[in-house]
Amino acid sequence: MSSPSSHALLRASAAQRGVGALFVANALVFATIVTRYPELKDAFGLSDLAFGLMVACGPVGSILGSVLAGRLVARAGAVPVAVTSSVVLGALLALAGFAGGPVLLGVILFAVGFADATGDVGNNAHGLEVQRRLDRSIINGLHGAWSAGAIAGGLLGLLALQSGLPIGLHFLILGVLIVAGTLVASRSLALPGAAAAQPAAGGGAGRSIGAMLVASCGIAVIGAFLEDLGSTWGGVYVTAEAGADLAASAAPFVAMMAALTLGRFASDRLVDRIGAVATVRVGSVVALAGMLLLVHAPAQPAVILGFGLVGLGIAPMIPLAMDAADRVPGLGPGTGLAVAATIMRIGFLASPLLVGAVAEAGGLRLALLCCLAVPIVSLFLAGLLRPVRPRTADLA
């Protein structure tokens, strides 16, 4: 018979697979909707502004969801929030395919953004609890599962488009699969025993605790900012500065996402070997090298390689920022995560606006030159991720 400790490890390993499935489900919803955006824009006859307003309903809902997610996790627990959010996301995806107009779809996208945010906090909170039970880093791999799910959703969307599958049927099939998969995964999420409460901070630790939370939010924003840089501007930059044709415009994004996914799956071993602080610093240097390559050698192969290096460098930033935010002593369950997630989502909104404003004034290459400061900031913030009172293992 298995000993209690080995049985607990088996339960934790099963929970790791279960929460990983929830990360994949979350990504599938996002990627599935995004692949049909151009078709929906044409079907509703929307102008660029009207389409942008409709799509913006999602981020607005996600910011509100992030604000409330910490309270929901503290009151109901991470697993109920994560599972309920995933089921709601699947149901909303199935419903979105039958929205008869942009107003209704905007309302659905708002609800999708809200459930995505609460699910994100719930998934991360439970994933970090599983990580503590296993006493080894898994959070990067869980975010890698999200990245892999986004790629899979994009490929399925491409297949649906090429086969002429109607939007309603496409969304319905994926929505039903997500709901069913979530319910199956939920059976393996439970962990024996209650999670240990975080210790209250002593009076002299308040300043260090505040710095740790600020650093967590800052690194999360930096990861989001640089990820959006590749997503929003990679294709524009390679065509405008490297002379690539439209057929090659997706190459920087593909390179970044592939490197991001591989980097996240590899980062857990690096964290276990050298610690989270050093891992973020290594990632910052790699991202900086990618940015330097983009600015100083704007030829097509260099741009593709540069965005790949940026993706590889930022791979551990958001997962480890979430980990650090969850470790801040004196905060309720899910509170630090919710704060970091909210700030991170604001960063996703700010990135295209700031880069676009600088590019409008002095060109996109100048905008990317200004962005060199971003990974440098993360290099210095990384040292503040050390926990004031480590729990299972020190981060550094």
Protein backbone atom coordinates (compact mmCIF):
# COMPACT_ATOMS: atom_id res chain seq x y z
CA MET A 1 0.00 0.00 0.00
CA SER A 2 1.10 3.58 -0.63
CA SER A 3 2.32 5.66 2.27
CA PRO A 4 0.37 8.84 3.16
CA SER A 5 3.09 11.01 1.64
CA SER A 6 3.18 9.08 -1.64
CA HIS A 7 -0.64 9.13 -1.78
CA ALA A 8 -0.61 12.91 -1.27
CA LEU A 9 1.95 13.28 -4.08
CA LEU A 10 -0.22 11.17 -6.38
CA ARG A 11 -3.22 13.36 -5.57
CA ALA A 12 -1.17 16.50 -6.19
CA SER A 13 0.10 15.13 -9.51
CA ALA A 14 -3.46 14.39 -10.58
CA ALA A 15 -4.48 17.90 -9.55
CA GLN A 16 -1.61 19.28 -11.63
CA ARG A 17 -3.00 17.54 -14.72
CA GLY A 18 -6.51 18.74 -13.88
CA VAL A 19 -5.59 22.39 -13.46
CA GLY A 20 -3.44 22.16 -16.59
CA ALA A 21 -6.57 21.11 -18.48
CA LEU A 22 -8.34 24.22 -17.16
CA PHE A 23 -5.51 26.42 -18.46
CA VAL A 24 -5.89 24.77 -21.88
CA ALA A 25 -9.68 25.26 -21.82
CA ASN A 26 -9.25 28.95 -20.98
CA ALA A 27 -6.89 29.43 -23.93
CA LEU A 28 -9.15 27.55 -26.35
CA VAL A 29 -12.00 29.99 -25.73
CA PHE A 30 -9.80 33.00 -26.44
CA ALA A 31 -8.16 31.54 -29.55
CA THR A 32 -11.41 30.19 -30.99
CA ILE A 33 -13.14 33.56 -30.89
CA VAL A 34 -10.12 35.49 -32.20
CA THR A 35 -9.81 33.31 -35.31
CA ARG A 36 -13.33 34.26 -36.43
CA TYR A 37 -13.13 38.01 -35.69
CA PRO A 38 -12.61 39.06 -39.36
CA GLU A 39 -15.61 37.00 -40.43
CA LEU A 40 -17.78 38.44 -37.66
CA LYS A 41 -16.73 41.98 -38.58
CA ASP A 42 -17.82 41.43 -42.17
CA ALA A 43 -21.01 39.60 -41.19
CA PHE A 44 -22.15 42.48 -38.99
CA GLY A 45 -20.95 45.13 -41.47
CA LEU A 46 -18.90 46.93 -38.80
CA SER A 47 -16.54 49.84 -39.32
CA ASP A 48 -13.07 49.60 -37.78
CA LEU A 49 -14.18 51.80 -34.87
CA ALA A 50 -17.37 49.83 -34.23
CA PHE A 51 -15.47 46.56 -34.41
CA GLY A 52 -12.86 47.89 -31.98
CA LEU A 53 -15.54 48.98 -29.54
CA MET A 54 -17.20 45.55 -29.71
CA VAL A 55 -13.91 43.71 -29.11
CA ALA A 56 -12.95 46.12 -26.29
CA CYS A 57 -15.91 44.81 -24.28
CA GLY A 58 -13.80 41.74 -23.50
CA PRO A 59 -10.87 43.57 -21.86
CA VAL A 60 -13.28 45.80 -19.93
CA GLY A 61 -15.01 42.70 -18.54
CA SER A 62 -11.66 41.11 -17.73
CA ILE A 63 -10.50 44.11 -15.69
CA LEU A 64 -13.71 44.05 -13.66
CA GLY A 65 -13.38 40.28 -13.21
CA SER A 66 -9.80 40.66 -12.00
CA VAL A 67 -10.86 43.24 -9.42
CA LEU A 68 -13.49 40.89 -7.98
CA ALA A 69 -11.60 37.61 -8.43
CA GLY A 70 -9.64 37.86 -5.18
CA ARG A 71 -12.82 38.21 -3.13
CA LEU A 72 -14.43 35.29 -4.96
CA VAL A 73 -11.44 33.02 -4.32
CA ALA A 74 -11.23 34.08 -0.66
CA ARG A 75 -14.94 33.42 -0.15
CA ALA A 76 -15.62 30.33 -2.29
CA GLY A 77 -12.16 28.80 -2.80
CA ALA A 78 -9.93 28.54 -5.85
CA VAL A 79 -11.34 25.27 -7.22
CA PRO A 80 -15.02 26.33 -7.32
CA VAL A 81 -14.06 29.64 -8.93
CA ALA A 82 -11.80 27.96 -11.50
CA VAL A 83 -14.30 25.24 -12.43
CA THR A 84 -17.34 27.51 -12.54
CA SER A 85 -15.48 30.06 -14.65
CA SER A 86 -14.38 27.39 -17.12
CA VAL A 87 -17.90 25.97 -17.47
CA VAL A 88 -19.30 29.48 -17.97
CA LEU A 89 -16.65 30.20 -20.60
CA GLY A 90 -17.58 27.07 -22.54
CA ALA A 91 -21.27 27.96 -22.37
CA LEU A 92 -20.58 31.55 -23.47
CA LEU A 93 -18.49 30.33 -26.39
CA ALA A 94 -21.34 28.12 -27.56
CA LEU A 95 -23.72 31.08 -27.23
CA ALA A 96 -21.41 33.53 -29.02
CA GLY A 97 -21.73 31.66 -32.30
CA PHE A 98 -25.44 32.47 -32.42
CA ALA A 99 -25.23 36.17 -31.50
CA GLY A 100 -27.38 37.99 -34.00
CA GLY A 101 -25.67 41.37 -33.80
CA PRO A 102 -22.70 43.31 -32.47
CA VAL A 103 -24.47 44.55 -29.33
CA LEU A 104 -25.34 41.05 -28.15
CA LEU A 105 -21.88 39.77 -29.07
CA GLY A 106 -20.33 42.70 -27.17
CA VAL A 107 -22.31 41.72 -24.08
CA ILE A 108 -21.16 38.11 -24.48
CA LEU A 109 -17.54 39.22 -24.92
CA PHE A 110 -17.83 41.30 -21.74
CA ALA A 111 -19.04 38.18 -19.89
CA VAL A 112 -16.27 36.11 -21.50
CA GLY A 113 -13.69 38.65 -20.30
CA PHE A 114 -15.12 38.58 -16.78
CA ALA A 115 -15.13 34.76 -16.59
CA ASP A 116 -11.69 34.59 -18.18
CA ALA A 117 -10.29 36.85 -15.45
CA THR A 118 -11.91 35.02 -12.53
CA GLY A 119 -10.85 31.71 -14.04
CA ASP A 120 -7.33 32.99 -14.51
CA VAL A 121 -7.00 33.88 -10.83
CA GLY A 122 -8.70 30.65 -9.74
CA ASN A 123 -6.50 28.53 -11.99
CA ASN A 124 -3.31 30.23 -10.82
CA ALA A 125 -4.31 30.10 -7.15
CA HIS A 126 -4.97 26.36 -7.27
CA GLY A 127 -1.96 25.71 -9.48
CA LEU A 128 0.28 27.43 -6.95
CA GLU A 129 -1.27 25.40 -4.12
CA VAL A 130 -0.50 22.23 -6.09
CA GLN A 131 3.03 23.54 -6.62
CA ARG A 132 3.48 23.93 -2.86
CA ARG A 133 2.25 20.37 -2.29
CA LEU A 134 4.68 19.00 -4.89
CA ASP A 135 7.52 21.18 -3.53
CA ARG A 136 8.78 21.93 -7.04
CA SER A 137 8.02 24.54 -9.67
CA ILE A 138 5.11 23.78 -12.03
CA ILE A 139 3.55 27.22 -12.61
CA ASN A 140 5.56 27.92 -15.77
CA GLY A 141 4.45 24.62 -17.28
CA LEU A 142 0.84 25.44 -16.47
CA HIS A 143 1.17 28.72 -18.35
CA GLY A 144 2.91 26.74 -21.09
CA ALA A 145 -0.24 24.63 -21.28
CA TRP A 146 -2.21 27.84 -21.82
CA SER A 147 0.15 28.85 -24.65
CA ALA A 148 -0.15 25.40 -26.22
CA GLY A 149 -3.94 25.64 -25.93
CA ALA A 150 -3.89 29.01 -27.69
CA ILE A 151 -1.85 27.55 -30.53
CA ALA A 152 -4.19 24.55 -30.76
CA GLY A 153 -7.23 26.83 -30.78
CA GLY A 154 -5.69 28.90 -33.56
CA LEU A 155 -4.96 25.80 -35.65
CA LEU A 156 -8.49 24.47 -35.09
CA GLY A 157 -9.87 27.84 -36.10
CA LEU A 158 -7.78 27.80 -39.26
CA LEU A 159 -9.06 24.30 -40.03
CA ALA A 160 -12.65 25.42 -39.45
CA LEU A 161 -12.17 28.37 -41.81
CA GLN A 162 -10.59 26.26 -44.52
CA SER A 163 -13.35 23.64 -44.31
CA GLY A 164 -16.11 26.27 -44.35
CA LEU A 165 -17.48 25.26 -40.93
CA PRO A 166 -20.14 27.80 -39.85
CA ILE A 167 -19.27 29.97 -36.87
CA GLY A 168 -22.26 28.75 -34.87
CA LEU A 169 -21.31 25.09 -35.27
CA HIS A 170 -17.60 25.78 -34.68
CA PHE A 171 -18.26 27.63 -31.43
CA LEU A 172 -20.89 25.12 -30.30
CA ILE A 173 -18.60 22.11 -30.76
CA LEU A 174 -15.69 23.74 -28.89
CA GLY A 175 -18.01 25.09 -26.18
CA VAL A 176 -19.49 21.67 -25.48
CA LEU A 177 -16.04 20.07 -25.44
CA ILE A 178 -14.76 22.70 -23.00
CA VAL A 179 -17.69 22.22 -20.62
CA ALA A 180 -17.34 18.42 -20.76
CA GLY A 181 -13.56 18.55 -20.37
CA THR A 182 -13.85 20.92 -17.41
CA LEU A 183 -16.27 18.63 -15.60
CA VAL A 184 -13.96 15.66 -16.17
CA ALA A 185 -10.90 17.62 -15.02
CA SER A 186 -12.71 18.88 -11.91
CA ARG A 187 -12.80 15.33 -10.51
CA SER A 188 -9.01 15.37 -10.06
CA LEU A 189 -8.59 18.86 -8.60
CA ALA A 190 -9.29 18.19 -4.92
CA LEU A 191 -6.34 18.17 -2.54
CA PRO A 192 -6.34 16.58 0.94
CA GLY A 193 -6.27 19.03 3.84
CA ALA A 194 -6.79 22.76 3.94
CA ALA A 195 -4.25 25.18 2.54
CA ALA A 196 -2.07 26.79 5.16
CA ALA A 197 -2.88 30.39 5.92
CA GLN A 198 -0.28 32.95 5.02
CA PRO A 199 1.49 34.39 8.01
CA ALA A 200 0.80 37.97 8.96
CA ALA A 201 3.65 40.33 8.35
CA GLY A 202 5.57 41.86 11.17
CA GLY A 203 5.71 45.62 11.55
CA GLY A 204 9.24 45.89 10.15
CA ALA A 205 8.45 43.81 7.06
CA GLY A 206 5.73 46.04 5.62
CA ARG A 207 8.07 47.97 3.36
CA SER A 208 9.61 44.77 1.95
CA ILE A 209 6.18 43.25 1.45
CA GLY A 210 5.01 46.33 -0.44
CA ALA A 211 8.11 46.22 -2.64
CA MET A 212 7.52 42.56 -3.39
CA LEU A 213 3.92 43.19 -4.49
CA VAL A 214 4.98 46.18 -6.61
CA ALA A 215 7.74 44.10 -8.22
CA SER A 216 5.31 41.25 -8.94
CA CYS A 217 2.88 43.64 -10.63
CA GLY A 218 5.70 45.36 -12.51
CA ILE A 219 7.14 42.13 -13.91
CA ALA A 220 3.65 40.91 -14.87
CA VAL A 221 3.07 44.17 -16.76
CA ILE A 222 6.46 43.88 -18.47
CA GLY A 223 5.72 40.32 -19.59
CA ALA A 224 2.32 41.42 -20.91
CA PHE A 225 3.76 44.53 -22.58
CA LEU A 226 6.44 42.63 -24.48
CA GLU A 227 4.06 39.80 -25.40
CA ASP A 228 1.63 42.33 -26.86
CA LEU A 229 4.52 44.04 -28.64
CA GLY A 230 5.10 40.90 -30.70
CA SER A 231 1.41 40.18 -31.17
CA THR A 232 0.38 43.68 -32.24
CA TRP A 233 3.49 45.10 -33.90
CA GLY A 234 5.56 42.10 -35.04
CA GLY A 235 3.89 41.81 -38.44
CA VAL A 236 3.82 45.57 -38.95
CA TYR A 237 7.52 45.89 -38.06
CA VAL A 238 8.76 43.09 -40.32
CA THR A 239 6.90 44.54 -43.30
CA ALA A 240 7.67 48.21 -42.65
CA GLU A 241 11.31 47.93 -41.52
CA ALA A 242 12.50 44.63 -43.03
CA GLY A 243 10.64 44.82 -46.33
CA ALA A 244 8.84 41.49 -45.89
CA ASP A 245 5.70 40.80 -47.88
CA LEU A 246 2.30 40.19 -46.30
CA ALA A 247 2.71 36.42 -46.58
CA ALA A 248 5.60 36.62 -44.08
CA SER A 249 3.94 39.10 -41.75
CA ALA A 250 2.78 36.39 -39.32
CA ALA A 251 6.29 34.93 -38.92
CA PRO A 252 7.38 37.15 -35.97
CA PHE A 253 4.22 36.30 -34.00
CA VAL A 254 4.57 32.58 -34.70
CA ALA A 255 8.25 32.67 -33.68
CA MET A 256 7.45 34.53 -30.47
CA MET A 257 4.56 32.25 -29.47
CA ALA A 258 6.53 29.09 -30.23
CA ALA A 259 9.51 30.31 -28.18
CA LEU A 260 7.18 31.51 -25.41
CA THR A 261 5.54 28.09 -25.18
CA LEU A 262 8.82 26.14 -25.21
CA GLY A 263 10.35 28.57 -22.73
CA ARG A 264 7.52 28.10 -20.27
CA PHE A 265 7.78 24.33 -20.38
CA ALA A 266 11.54 24.59 -19.78
CA SER A 267 11.44 27.29 -17.10
CA ASP A 268 10.29 25.09 -14.20
CA ARG A 269 13.51 23.10 -14.29
CA LEU A 270 15.47 26.32 -14.39
CA VAL A 271 13.58 27.67 -11.37
CA ASP A 272 14.25 24.48 -9.42
CA ARG A 273 17.93 24.74 -10.29
CA ILE A 274 18.76 28.46 -9.91
CA GLY A 275 15.62 30.01 -8.34
CA ALA A 276 12.93 32.37 -9.60
CA VAL A 277 14.93 35.57 -9.15
CA ALA A 278 17.82 34.33 -11.31
CA THR A 279 15.37 32.86 -13.84
CA VAL A 280 13.65 36.22 -14.33
CA ARG A 281 17.04 37.92 -14.65
CA VAL A 282 18.17 35.43 -17.30
CA GLY A 283 14.89 35.94 -19.12
CA SER A 284 15.30 39.71 -18.97
CA VAL A 285 18.76 39.50 -20.53
CA VAL A 286 17.49 37.20 -23.31
CA ALA A 287 14.54 39.53 -24.00
CA LEU A 288 16.91 42.52 -24.07
CA ALA A 289 19.14 40.70 -26.57
CA GLY A 290 16.10 40.10 -28.76
CA MET A 291 15.10 43.77 -28.58
CA LEU A 292 18.64 44.89 -29.47
CA LEU A 293 18.59 42.57 -32.48
CA LEU A 294 15.26 44.03 -33.61
CA VAL A 295 16.51 47.61 -33.39
CA HIS A 296 20.04 47.27 -34.75
CA ALA A 297 19.57 44.60 -37.44
CA PRO A 298 16.07 45.06 -38.88
CA ALA A 299 16.42 42.44 -41.63
CA GLN A 300 13.69 39.83 -41.95
CA PRO A 301 15.61 36.86 -40.41
CA ALA A 302 16.86 39.09 -37.59
CA VAL A 303 13.37 40.38 -36.83
CA ILE A 304 11.98 36.84 -36.67
CA LEU A 305 14.88 35.70 -34.46
CA GLY A 306 14.58 38.83 -32.34
CA PHE A 307 10.91 38.29 -31.55
CA GLY A 308 11.68 34.63 -30.87
CA LEU A 309 14.26 35.69 -28.29
CA VAL A 310 11.78 38.13 -26.76
CA GLY A 311 9.24 35.31 -26.43
CA LEU A 312 11.85 33.02 -24.86
CA GLY A 313 12.94 35.72 -22.43
CA ILE A 314 9.48 36.71 -21.22
CA ALA A 315 8.31 33.10 -20.88
CA PRO A 316 8.78 32.90 -17.08
CA MET A 317 7.84 36.50 -16.25
CA ILE A 318 4.07 36.34 -15.87
CA PRO A 319 4.01 32.89 -14.18
CA LEU A 320 6.70 33.84 -11.65
CA ALA A 321 5.14 37.24 -11.05
CA MET A 322 1.87 35.46 -10.19
CA ASP A 323 3.78 33.09 -7.92
CA ALA A 324 5.45 35.97 -6.09
CA ALA A 325 2.20 37.93 -5.77
CA ASP A 326 0.54 34.88 -4.22
CA ARG A 327 3.41 34.58 -1.72
CA VAL A 328 3.12 38.11 -0.33
CA PRO A 329 2.48 37.59 3.41
CA GLY A 330 -0.50 39.12 5.13
CA LEU A 331 -2.82 39.05 2.10
CA GLY A 332 -5.94 36.89 1.86
CA PRO A 333 -6.13 33.92 -0.52
CA GLY A 334 -6.10 35.09 -4.11
CA THR A 335 -5.70 38.79 -3.19
CA GLY A 336 -2.12 39.23 -4.44
CA LEU A 337 -2.93 37.22 -7.54
CA ALA A 338 -5.96 39.38 -8.28
CA VAL A 339 -3.94 42.59 -7.89
CA ALA A 340 -1.20 41.34 -10.22
CA ALA A 341 -3.73 40.04 -12.76
CA THR A 342 -5.61 43.35 -12.79
CA ILE A 343 -2.46 45.41 -13.31
CA MET A 344 -1.26 42.95 -15.96
CA ARG A 345 -4.47 43.31 -17.97
CA ILE A 346 -4.18 47.08 -17.84
CA GLY A 347 -0.68 46.58 -19.24
CA PHE A 348 -2.09 44.63 -22.17
CA LEU A 349 -4.38 47.58 -22.90
CA ALA A 350 -1.64 50.21 -22.51
CA SER A 351 0.98 48.53 -24.70
CA PRO A 352 -0.52 49.14 -28.16
CA LEU A 353 -1.48 52.69 -27.23
CA LEU A 354 1.98 53.70 -25.96
CA VAL A 355 3.90 52.05 -28.79
CA GLY A 356 1.47 53.44 -31.35
CA ALA A 357 1.82 56.98 -29.99
CA VAL A 358 5.64 56.90 -30.15
CA ALA A 359 5.57 55.27 -33.60
CA GLU A 360 3.20 57.95 -34.85
CA ALA A 361 5.63 60.65 -33.71
CA GLY A 362 8.98 59.14 -34.70
CA GLY A 363 8.50 55.78 -36.40
CA LEU A 364 8.13 52.21 -35.21
CA ARG A 365 11.86 51.61 -34.97
CA LEU A 366 12.16 54.51 -32.51
CA ALA A 367 9.25 53.05 -30.54
CA LEU A 368 11.05 49.71 -30.25
CA LEU A 369 14.25 51.55 -29.30
CA CYS A 370 12.36 53.12 -26.39
CA CYS A 371 11.12 49.66 -25.41
CA LEU A 372 14.71 48.59 -24.66
CA ALA A 373 14.16 50.06 -21.21
CA VAL A 374 11.38 47.54 -20.47
CA PRO A 375 13.48 44.35 -20.00
CA ILE A 376 16.12 46.43 -18.19
CA VAL A 377 13.51 47.40 -15.60
CA SER A 378 12.55 43.74 -15.08
CA LEU A 379 16.22 42.91 -14.55
CA PHE A 380 16.28 45.20 -11.51
CA LEU A 381 12.79 44.34 -10.24
CA ALA A 382 13.61 40.62 -10.17
CA GLY A 383 15.58 40.90 -6.93
CA LEU A 384 12.45 42.04 -5.08
CA LEU A 385 10.65 38.75 -5.79
CA ARG A 386 12.31 37.06 -2.83
CA PRO A 387 9.64 36.23 -0.24
CA VAL A 388 9.84 37.96 3.12
CA ARG A 389 9.04 34.65 4.83
CA PRO A 390 9.56 31.67 2.54
CA ARG A 391 7.08 28.80 2.82
CA THR A 392 8.18 25.53 1.28
CA ALA A 393 11.27 26.67 -0.56
CA ASP A 394 13.00 29.96 -1.13
CA LEU A 395 12.39 31.61 -4.48
CA ALA A 396 15.94 32.73 -4.93
